[in-house]
Amino acid sequence: MPLVSSLLIEVCVDSVQSAINAAQAGADRLELCANLGLGGGTTPSIGLLRSVQKAVIGIPIMAMIRPRTGDFLYSDQELEVMLEDIHVFKEQGVRGIVVGILDKEGRVDVDRMKLIVDEALPLEVCFHRAFDMTRDADEALRDIESIGGISRILTSGQGKTAHDALSTLTSLFNTTKELIEDEPWGLTIIPGSGINPITVAPILDTLLPFGLQEIHLSGSRWIQGDMKFKREGMGMGVGGDGEWGVWIVDGEKVSEVRNIADERWDAHYVGYGK
């Protein structure tokens, strides 16, 4: 029998409107970032956090701790920035942080992650998709488990999308179960990347039997901004849809995923008398 009554859906957002759209569509938790559509997400501002907290009262928020886009090998100065950001976010009522640090060889930087976790506790800590950039998924999982204090790992199973790497995700679920044994609130795996109304059903059908309890998605798309005047040939170096567009959560996509997830969850656990 699962420890929760329904599948938890986390949606990553980088604006107040996206947070509202996600919450109204059935998201259970938000991952708050900046620059989602351009660089995979960086640390959000305190102003954005406070505005989101006012707009979606009561929904848990996980704050991204990532000082820049690019790789996950950080300098001493960047580590100092990350620790300072964590200290500030702890005072703002977030549920936890989302973070990841690697070394030059593509392994989890255990020593630096211990510093991060020590600063973050008692907040929840999620190791983000830096996991998917490690040289070996099983090795990375065991390194993260050895750190202690990390609640979950967000991963696509080291595939381009979670749907592309279901065999690896299945293996990660099995290994995690072996590592944490019977701990009720031990380290968990949260699949993410490419989860949408088309892919969510096969992902759930494959992973629910192995203990899946959470999924992560953006449910977002570029929309045209409201600018009427756009200087031809000018931009801020982004290019494509992001030059004049706005990255926004599509509430209909999230709602559809919510409905499919609830149906699959109920169908799977009907044997438990749900």
Protein backbone atom coordinates (compact mmCIF):
# COMPACT_ATOMS: atom_id res chain seq x y z
CA MET A 1 0.00 0.00 0.00
CA PRO A 2 1.46 3.43 -0.93
CA LEU A 3 2.21 6.05 1.72
CA VAL A 4 0.19 8.64 -0.24
CA SER A 5 -3.37 8.57 -1.59
CA SER A 6 -2.59 9.81 -5.09
CA LEU A 7 0.32 10.41 -7.41
CA LEU A 8 2.13 13.64 -6.54
CA ILE A 9 2.64 15.95 -9.51
CA GLU A 10 5.37 18.57 -9.37
CA VAL A 11 5.45 21.32 -12.01
CA CYS A 12 8.44 23.58 -12.63
CA VAL A 13 7.57 27.26 -13.06
CA ASP A 14 9.42 30.54 -13.53
CA SER A 15 6.65 33.14 -13.29
CA VAL A 16 3.66 33.98 -11.15
CA GLN A 17 1.22 33.23 -13.97
CA SER A 18 2.81 29.82 -14.56
CA ALA A 19 2.50 29.05 -10.85
CA ILE A 20 -1.19 30.00 -10.92
CA ASN A 21 -1.80 27.92 -14.05
CA ALA A 22 -0.05 24.88 -12.54
CA ALA A 23 -1.86 25.11 -9.21
CA GLN A 24 -5.28 25.50 -10.81
CA ALA A 25 -4.57 22.50 -13.06
CA GLY A 26 -3.86 20.19 -10.14
CA ALA A 27 -0.14 20.45 -9.36
CA ASP A 28 0.68 19.31 -5.84
CA ARG A 29 4.08 21.00 -5.60
CA LEU A 30 6.03 23.63 -7.52
CA GLU A 31 9.69 23.78 -8.43
CA LEU A 32 10.44 27.49 -8.64
CA CYS A 33 13.17 28.63 -11.04
CA ALA A 34 14.25 31.46 -13.28
CA ASN A 35 15.06 31.06 -17.00
CA LEU A 36 13.33 27.73 -17.53
CA GLY A 37 12.77 28.11 -21.25
CA LEU A 38 16.30 29.25 -21.99
CA GLY A 39 18.73 27.35 -19.81
CA GLY A 40 16.94 24.66 -17.87
CA GLY A 41 16.34 26.80 -14.80
CA THR A 42 18.44 28.93 -12.45
CA THR A 43 17.97 30.35 -8.96
CA PRO A 44 14.80 32.47 -8.73
CA SER A 45 14.65 35.88 -7.12
CA ILE A 46 13.20 36.46 -3.67
CA GLY A 47 10.70 38.81 -5.27
CA LEU A 48 9.42 36.00 -7.50
CA LEU A 49 9.22 33.59 -4.58
CA ARG A 50 7.23 35.97 -2.41
CA SER A 51 4.88 36.84 -5.25
CA VAL A 52 4.24 33.16 -6.01
CA GLN A 53 3.64 32.43 -2.32
CA LYS A 54 0.97 35.13 -2.28
CA ALA A 55 -0.62 33.91 -5.51
CA VAL A 56 -0.83 30.19 -4.65
CA ILE A 57 -1.18 30.09 -0.90
CA GLY A 58 -0.36 26.77 0.71
CA ILE A 59 1.23 24.91 -2.21
CA PRO A 60 4.71 23.58 -1.34
CA ILE A 61 7.58 25.25 -3.19
CA MET A 62 10.99 23.78 -3.96
CA ALA A 63 13.51 26.51 -4.86
CA MET A 64 16.12 25.86 -7.53
CA ILE A 65 19.69 26.55 -6.39
CA ARG A 66 21.73 27.01 -9.57
CA PRO A 67 23.83 30.15 -9.93
CA ARG A 68 24.15 29.95 -13.72
CA THR A 69 23.30 27.90 -16.78
CA GLY A 70 25.85 25.49 -18.22
CA ASP A 71 27.55 22.59 -16.49
CA PHE A 72 27.36 21.57 -12.85
CA LEU A 73 31.02 21.99 -11.94
CA TYR A 74 31.14 25.04 -9.71
CA SER A 75 33.94 27.30 -8.52
CA ASP A 76 34.49 28.17 -4.86
CA GLN A 77 32.84 31.52 -5.48
CA GLU A 78 29.80 29.87 -7.08
CA LEU A 79 29.52 27.44 -4.17
CA GLU A 80 29.54 30.40 -1.79
CA VAL A 81 26.69 31.96 -3.77
CA MET A 82 24.70 28.72 -3.56
CA LEU A 83 25.17 28.42 0.20
CA GLU A 84 24.15 32.04 0.68
CA ASP A 85 21.03 31.53 -1.47
CA ILE A 86 20.06 28.50 0.60
CA HIS A 87 20.47 30.50 3.81
CA VAL A 88 18.16 33.20 2.46
CA PHE A 89 15.53 30.77 1.13
CA LYS A 90 15.38 28.97 4.49
CA GLU A 91 14.01 32.19 5.95
CA GLN A 92 11.30 32.47 3.29
CA GLY A 93 9.21 29.39 4.06
CA VAL A 94 10.12 27.14 1.12
CA ARG A 95 9.57 23.38 1.44
CA GLY A 96 13.04 22.63 0.15
CA ILE A 97 15.72 23.16 -2.47
CA VAL A 98 16.64 21.58 -5.79
CA VAL A 99 20.38 21.34 -6.44
CA GLY A 100 23.19 19.26 -7.89
CA ILE A 101 26.98 19.47 -8.03
CA LEU A 102 29.35 17.27 -10.05
CA ASP A 103 33.12 16.93 -10.18
CA LYS A 104 35.33 17.12 -13.27
CA GLU A 105 35.10 13.37 -13.88
CA GLY A 106 31.31 13.29 -14.00
CA ARG A 107 30.70 11.95 -10.51
CA VAL A 108 28.53 13.49 -7.82
CA ASP A 109 30.69 15.86 -5.76
CA VAL A 110 29.94 14.22 -2.42
CA ASP A 111 31.99 16.59 -0.27
CA ARG A 112 30.40 19.74 -1.68
CA MET A 113 26.93 18.21 -1.62
CA LYS A 114 27.40 17.49 2.08
CA LEU A 115 28.05 21.20 2.61
CA ILE A 116 24.87 22.00 0.67
CA VAL A 117 22.76 19.52 2.65
CA ASP A 118 24.14 20.70 5.98
CA GLU A 119 23.20 24.28 5.10
CA ALA A 120 19.76 23.27 3.83
CA LEU A 121 18.55 21.01 6.65
CA PRO A 122 15.85 20.68 7.88
CA LEU A 123 14.54 21.58 4.41
CA GLU A 124 13.94 18.86 1.85
CA VAL A 125 16.74 18.45 -0.69
CA CYS A 126 16.19 17.17 -4.23
CA PHE A 127 19.20 16.29 -6.39
CA HIS A 128 18.20 17.60 -9.80
CA ARG A 129 18.97 16.46 -13.34
CA ALA A 130 22.69 17.00 -12.92
CA PHE A 131 22.18 13.31 -12.11
CA ASP A 132 21.57 12.72 -15.81
CA MET A 133 24.96 14.21 -16.64
CA THR A 134 26.89 11.78 -14.43
CA ARG A 135 29.09 9.07 -15.95
CA ASP A 136 27.18 6.19 -14.37
CA ALA A 137 23.64 6.23 -12.99
CA ASP A 138 24.09 3.43 -10.46
CA GLU A 139 27.30 4.96 -9.13
CA ALA A 140 25.64 8.37 -8.85
CA LEU A 141 22.64 6.92 -7.01
CA ARG A 142 24.89 5.24 -4.45
CA ASP A 143 26.96 8.41 -4.00
CA ILE A 144 23.82 10.44 -3.35
CA GLU A 145 22.45 7.89 -0.91
CA SER A 146 25.75 7.99 1.01
CA ILE A 147 25.44 11.75 1.57
CA GLY A 148 22.30 11.48 3.69
CA GLY A 149 19.60 14.11 3.96
CA ILE A 150 18.60 14.03 0.28
CA SER A 151 14.89 13.35 -0.21
CA ARG A 152 14.67 12.57 -3.91
CA ILE A 153 16.45 12.44 -7.24
CA LEU A 154 14.91 14.10 -10.29
CA THR A 155 15.99 12.17 -13.37
CA SER A 156 15.10 11.19 -16.91
CA GLY A 157 16.98 7.94 -16.38
CA GLN A 158 19.86 9.52 -18.30
CA GLY A 159 17.78 9.46 -21.46
CA LYS A 160 16.65 12.39 -23.55
CA THR A 161 13.22 11.90 -21.97
CA ALA A 162 11.92 9.70 -19.16
CA HIS A 163 9.87 7.73 -21.68
CA ASP A 164 13.07 6.90 -23.59
CA ALA A 165 14.78 5.47 -20.51
CA LEU A 166 12.17 3.37 -18.73
CA SER A 167 14.55 0.42 -18.33
CA THR A 168 17.12 2.60 -16.54
CA LEU A 169 14.42 4.19 -14.39
CA THR A 170 13.15 0.74 -13.43
CA SER A 171 16.67 -0.24 -12.40
CA LEU A 172 17.01 2.94 -10.33
CA PHE A 173 13.76 2.20 -8.51
CA ASN A 174 14.95 -1.33 -7.72
CA THR A 175 18.37 -0.18 -6.51
CA THR A 176 16.85 2.57 -4.37
CA LYS A 177 14.56 0.06 -2.71
CA GLU A 178 17.57 -2.12 -1.89
CA LEU A 179 19.54 0.80 -0.49
CA ILE A 180 16.86 2.26 1.77
CA GLU A 181 15.33 -1.12 2.71
CA ASP A 182 12.24 -0.43 4.81
CA GLU A 183 12.75 3.27 5.56
CA PRO A 184 9.27 4.81 5.04
CA TRP A 185 10.59 8.24 4.00
CA GLY A 186 13.91 7.32 2.40
CA LEU A 187 15.39 8.49 -0.89
CA THR A 188 12.92 8.39 -3.79
CA ILE A 189 13.14 8.70 -7.57
CA ILE A 190 11.02 11.31 -9.36
CA PRO A 191 10.99 10.88 -13.16
CA GLY A 192 11.04 14.04 -15.25
CA SER A 193 11.66 15.28 -18.80
CA GLY A 194 9.22 14.85 -21.64
CA ILE A 195 6.28 13.90 -19.44
CA ASN A 196 3.07 15.02 -21.14
CA PRO A 197 -0.45 13.73 -21.89
CA ILE A 198 0.96 11.32 -24.49
CA THR A 199 3.83 9.81 -22.50
CA VAL A 200 2.48 9.81 -18.96
CA ALA A 201 0.34 6.65 -19.27
CA PRO A 202 3.13 4.28 -20.40
CA ILE A 203 5.48 5.80 -17.82
CA LEU A 204 3.00 5.15 -15.02
CA ASP A 205 2.09 1.69 -16.29
CA THR A 206 5.77 0.75 -16.24
CA LEU A 207 6.87 2.38 -12.98
CA LEU A 208 3.88 2.20 -10.62
CA PRO A 209 4.60 -1.49 -9.93
CA PHE A 210 8.09 -0.46 -8.75
CA GLY A 211 6.88 2.14 -6.27
CA LEU A 212 6.51 5.35 -8.30
CA GLN A 213 4.86 8.06 -6.20
CA GLU A 214 5.84 11.34 -7.91
CA ILE A 215 6.39 12.77 -11.38
CA HIS A 216 7.82 16.09 -12.58
CA LEU A 217 6.91 18.09 -15.66
CA SER A 218 6.99 21.58 -17.09
CA GLY A 219 3.78 21.42 -19.14
CA SER A 220 5.01 24.62 -20.73
CA ARG A 221 5.32 26.23 -24.14
CA TRP A 222 6.34 29.49 -25.76
CA ILE A 223 3.58 31.98 -26.43
CA GLN A 224 3.76 35.27 -28.28
CA GLY A 225 4.28 38.29 -26.05
CA ASP A 226 2.10 41.38 -26.32
CA MET A 227 4.75 43.65 -27.87
CA LYS A 228 3.47 45.32 -31.02
CA PHE A 229 6.75 46.97 -31.96
CA LYS A 230 9.63 44.55 -32.57
CA ARG A 231 12.79 46.08 -33.97
CA GLU A 232 13.81 44.03 -36.98
CA GLY A 233 17.11 42.22 -36.67
CA MET A 234 17.49 43.12 -32.99
CA GLY A 235 17.35 40.87 -29.96
CA MET A 236 19.06 39.88 -26.75
CA GLY A 237 20.95 36.93 -28.16
CA VAL A 238 18.39 34.26 -27.35
CA GLY A 239 17.07 33.57 -30.84
CA GLY A 240 14.07 31.53 -31.93
CA ASP A 241 10.77 31.63 -30.07
CA GLY A 242 12.46 32.82 -26.91
CA GLU A 243 13.55 36.14 -28.40
CA TRP A 244 10.13 37.77 -28.20
CA GLY A 245 8.07 34.99 -26.63
CA VAL A 246 7.04 34.16 -23.08
CA TRP A 247 7.56 30.73 -21.48
CA ILE A 248 4.33 29.73 -19.75
CA VAL A 249 2.72 26.68 -18.15
CA ASP A 250 -0.14 25.33 -20.26
CA GLY A 251 -2.81 24.55 -17.69
CA GLU A 252 -4.68 22.26 -20.07
CA LYS A 253 -1.62 20.02 -20.47
CA VAL A 254 -1.08 19.79 -16.73
CA SER A 255 -4.77 19.11 -16.11
CA GLU A 256 -4.76 16.32 -18.68
CA VAL A 257 -1.71 14.74 -17.08
CA ARG A 258 -3.43 15.05 -13.69
CA ASN A 259 -6.53 13.24 -14.93
CA ILE A 260 -4.57 10.44 -16.62
CA ALA A 261 -2.36 10.03 -13.54
CA ASP A 262 -5.36 9.76 -11.23
CA GLU A 263 -6.99 7.16 -13.47
CA ARG A 264 -3.84 5.05 -13.70
CA TRP A 265 -3.16 5.36 -9.97
CA ASP A 266 -6.68 4.24 -9.06
CA ALA A 267 -6.53 1.37 -11.54
CA HIS A 268 -3.21 0.17 -10.16
CA TYR A 269 -4.18 0.33 -6.49
CA VAL A 270 -7.72 -0.99 -6.83
CA GLY A 271 -6.39 -4.24 -5.42
CA TYR A 272 -5.67 -2.46 -2.17
CA GLY A 273 -9.32 -1.60 -1.72
CA LYS A 274 -8.94 2.01 -2.79
